[in-house]
């Protein structure tokens, strides 16, 4: 496997850079439709709307913020409803959970096997998904030397994004 150390399409792009986020939402919905069709899964209107809402912001979004939006649209009114939809989206690689923030972001490369490495800005709250084979290899190698076999790997790095650094 080639060594990659790059930031792929941001999970959430900076809001003030002239970026038309509708394309991100459309791409995410199209990818989800293809993935569900390939796997024979139901992409229900609720699952579709939750995915759309997760991708509609440049920041990770919490379950209760999603729930409030769904309630205003008469699509769901109970926490189990939203959590079932979020679980489906996570299980099928369409979104990620940011543990540190107890929030969710869209997956920038759904359908691909990869690790969840995130760069999270402390100032604006944006999160970018980092695709780095070298980071994964370093963690796996270090764990192996200790006799540990990693199963899941999520890394959340906080700091200042380039946009916020330029503004300071």
Protein backbone atom coordinates (compact mmCIF):
# COMPACT_ATOMS: atom_id res chain seq x y z
CA UNK A 1 0.00 0.00 0.00
CA UNK A 2 1.30 3.42 -0.94
CA UNK A 3 2.21 5.81 1.82
CA UNK A 4 -0.37 8.58 1.93
CA UNK A 5 -0.34 11.64 4.15
CA UNK A 6 -2.98 13.92 2.80
CA UNK A 7 -6.14 15.67 3.77
CA UNK A 8 -8.79 14.39 1.41
CA UNK A 9 -11.96 16.33 0.69
CA UNK A 10 -12.74 18.01 4.02
CA UNK A 11 -15.44 16.43 6.10
CA UNK A 12 -16.54 19.99 6.59
CA UNK A 13 -15.00 22.74 4.49
CA UNK A 14 -14.48 26.23 5.89
CA UNK A 15 -17.73 28.18 5.60
CA UNK A 16 -16.19 31.47 4.55
CA UNK A 17 -14.05 30.44 1.58
CA UNK A 18 -16.73 30.80 -1.13
CA UNK A 19 -17.30 27.05 -1.02
CA UNK A 20 -20.72 25.93 -2.32
CA UNK A 21 -21.58 23.25 0.21
CA UNK A 22 -24.62 22.07 -1.75
CA UNK A 23 -22.24 20.06 -3.94
CA UNK A 24 -20.90 18.24 -0.87
CA UNK A 25 -24.44 17.39 0.23
CA UNK A 26 -25.39 16.22 -3.27
CA UNK A 27 -22.22 14.11 -3.56
CA UNK A 28 -22.84 12.54 -0.13
CA UNK A 29 -26.45 11.69 -0.98
CA UNK A 30 -25.48 10.21 -4.36
CA UNK A 31 -22.74 8.11 -2.75
CA UNK A 32 -25.18 6.89 -0.09
CA UNK A 33 -27.78 5.95 -2.70
CA UNK A 34 -25.17 3.98 -4.70
CA UNK A 35 -23.79 2.25 -1.60
CA UNK A 36 -27.25 1.26 -0.34
CA UNK A 37 -28.26 0.00 -3.78
CA UNK A 38 -25.06 -2.10 -4.03
CA UNK A 39 -25.62 -3.59 -0.56
CA UNK A 40 -29.38 -4.00 -0.94
CA UNK A 41 -30.04 -1.62 1.98
CA UNK A 42 -33.00 0.70 2.43
CA UNK A 43 -32.06 4.35 2.26
CA UNK A 44 -35.21 5.60 3.93
CA UNK A 45 -36.36 9.23 3.80
CA UNK A 46 -35.34 9.63 7.46
CA UNK A 47 -31.84 8.21 6.89
CA UNK A 48 -31.49 10.41 3.81
CA UNK A 49 -32.54 13.52 5.73
CA UNK A 50 -30.22 12.78 8.65
CA UNK A 51 -27.30 12.36 6.23
CA UNK A 52 -28.26 15.59 4.51
CA UNK A 53 -28.40 17.42 7.85
CA UNK A 54 -25.01 16.03 8.95
CA UNK A 55 -23.47 17.29 5.69
CA UNK A 56 -25.33 20.63 5.72
CA UNK A 57 -23.06 22.22 8.30
CA UNK A 58 -19.37 22.90 8.25
CA UNK A 59 -19.15 21.72 11.84
CA UNK A 60 -19.76 18.35 13.51
CA UNK A 61 -23.38 18.21 14.61
CA UNK A 62 -24.83 16.60 17.72
CA UNK A 63 -27.71 14.14 17.79
CA UNK A 64 -29.99 16.49 19.69
CA UNK A 65 -29.45 19.32 17.19
CA UNK A 66 -30.42 16.84 14.47
CA UNK A 67 -33.40 15.75 16.51
CA UNK A 68 -34.57 19.36 16.92
CA UNK A 69 -34.39 19.87 13.16
CA UNK A 70 -36.25 16.63 12.46
CA UNK A 71 -38.96 17.58 14.96
CA UNK A 72 -39.48 20.89 13.19
CA UNK A 73 -39.92 18.92 9.94
CA UNK A 74 -42.20 16.27 11.53
CA UNK A 75 -39.75 13.50 10.58
CA UNK A 76 -38.85 12.17 14.00
CA UNK A 77 -39.59 13.07 17.55
CA UNK A 78 -37.75 10.60 19.77
CA UNK A 79 -34.04 10.09 20.46
CA UNK A 80 -34.16 6.38 19.48
CA UNK A 81 -35.32 7.44 16.01
CA UNK A 82 -32.31 9.64 15.38
CA UNK A 83 -29.86 7.22 16.99
CA UNK A 84 -31.08 4.34 14.78
CA UNK A 85 -30.55 6.49 11.69
CA UNK A 86 -27.11 7.62 12.91
CA UNK A 87 -26.12 4.01 13.71
CA UNK A 88 -27.14 2.94 10.20
CA UNK A 89 -25.09 5.74 8.63
CA UNK A 90 -22.04 4.94 10.80
CA UNK A 91 -22.28 1.17 10.21
CA UNK A 92 -22.34 1.76 6.47
CA UNK A 93 -19.42 4.18 6.44
CA UNK A 94 -21.41 7.26 5.48
CA UNK A 95 -20.64 9.33 8.59
CA UNK A 96 -18.18 9.31 11.49
CA UNK A 97 -18.68 10.02 15.16
CA UNK A 98 -16.32 12.55 16.70
CA UNK A 99 -16.04 11.17 20.24
CA UNK A 100 -14.46 14.27 21.78
CA UNK A 101 -17.40 16.42 20.67
CA UNK A 102 -20.11 13.73 20.84
CA UNK A 103 -21.04 14.82 17.34
CA UNK A 104 -21.15 13.51 13.78
CA UNK A 105 -19.52 14.46 10.48
CA UNK A 106 -19.95 13.17 6.97
CA UNK A 107 -17.41 10.65 5.73
CA UNK A 108 -15.35 12.21 2.95
CA UNK A 109 -14.76 8.85 1.24
CA UNK A 110 -17.70 6.52 1.88
CA UNK A 111 -17.42 2.91 0.85
CA UNK A 112 -13.63 2.85 1.27
CA UNK A 113 -11.99 1.02 4.15
CA UNK A 114 -10.11 3.62 6.17
CA UNK A 115 -9.34 4.89 9.64
CA UNK A 116 -11.02 7.84 11.32
CA UNK A 117 -8.35 10.51 11.75
CA UNK A 118 -9.68 14.03 12.30
CA UNK A 119 -8.18 17.50 12.57
CA UNK A 120 -10.57 19.57 14.70
CA UNK A 121 -10.27 23.34 14.97
CA UNK A 122 -10.71 24.63 18.54
CA UNK A 123 -11.73 28.05 17.28
CA UNK A 124 -14.27 27.48 14.46
CA UNK A 125 -15.16 23.85 15.24
CA UNK A 126 -14.59 22.60 11.68
CA UNK A 127 -13.39 19.02 11.32
CA UNK A 128 -11.34 17.61 8.46
CA UNK A 129 -10.87 13.92 7.82
CA UNK A 130 -7.20 13.05 7.43
CA UNK A 131 -6.22 10.07 5.32
CA UNK A 132 -2.79 8.96 6.48
CA UNK A 133 -1.37 5.49 6.00
CA UNK A 134 1.83 6.51 7.79
CA UNK A 135 -0.08 7.45 10.96
CA UNK A 136 -1.99 4.15 10.89
CA UNK A 137 1.22 2.21 10.28
CA UNK A 138 3.03 3.98 13.14
CA UNK A 139 0.21 3.20 15.58
CA UNK A 140 -0.05 -0.43 14.41
CA UNK A 141 3.71 -0.92 14.62
CA UNK A 142 3.97 0.59 18.10
CA UNK A 143 1.01 -1.47 19.32
CA UNK A 144 2.47 -4.64 17.82
CA UNK A 145 5.75 -4.15 19.68
CA UNK A 146 3.66 -4.27 22.87
CA UNK A 147 1.79 -7.39 21.77
CA UNK A 148 -1.38 -5.42 21.09
CA UNK A 149 -3.48 -5.90 17.94
CA UNK A 150 -5.56 -2.80 17.13
CA UNK A 151 -9.07 -3.43 15.88
CA UNK A 152 -10.47 0.08 15.54
CA UNK A 153 -8.48 3.25 15.19
CA UNK A 154 -9.81 6.78 15.62
CA UNK A 155 -7.59 9.77 16.22
CA UNK A 156 -8.86 13.26 17.02
CA UNK A 157 -6.31 16.06 16.89
CA UNK A 158 -7.33 19.52 18.08
CA UNK A 159 -5.68 22.78 17.15
CA UNK A 160 -6.19 25.72 14.79
CA UNK A 161 -7.13 25.28 11.14
CA UNK A 162 -5.36 27.27 8.43
CA UNK A 163 -8.27 29.67 8.01
CA UNK A 164 -8.40 30.53 11.73
CA UNK A 165 -4.61 30.90 11.87
CA UNK A 166 -4.75 33.40 8.99
CA UNK A 167 -7.46 35.38 10.83
CA UNK A 168 -5.44 35.61 14.08
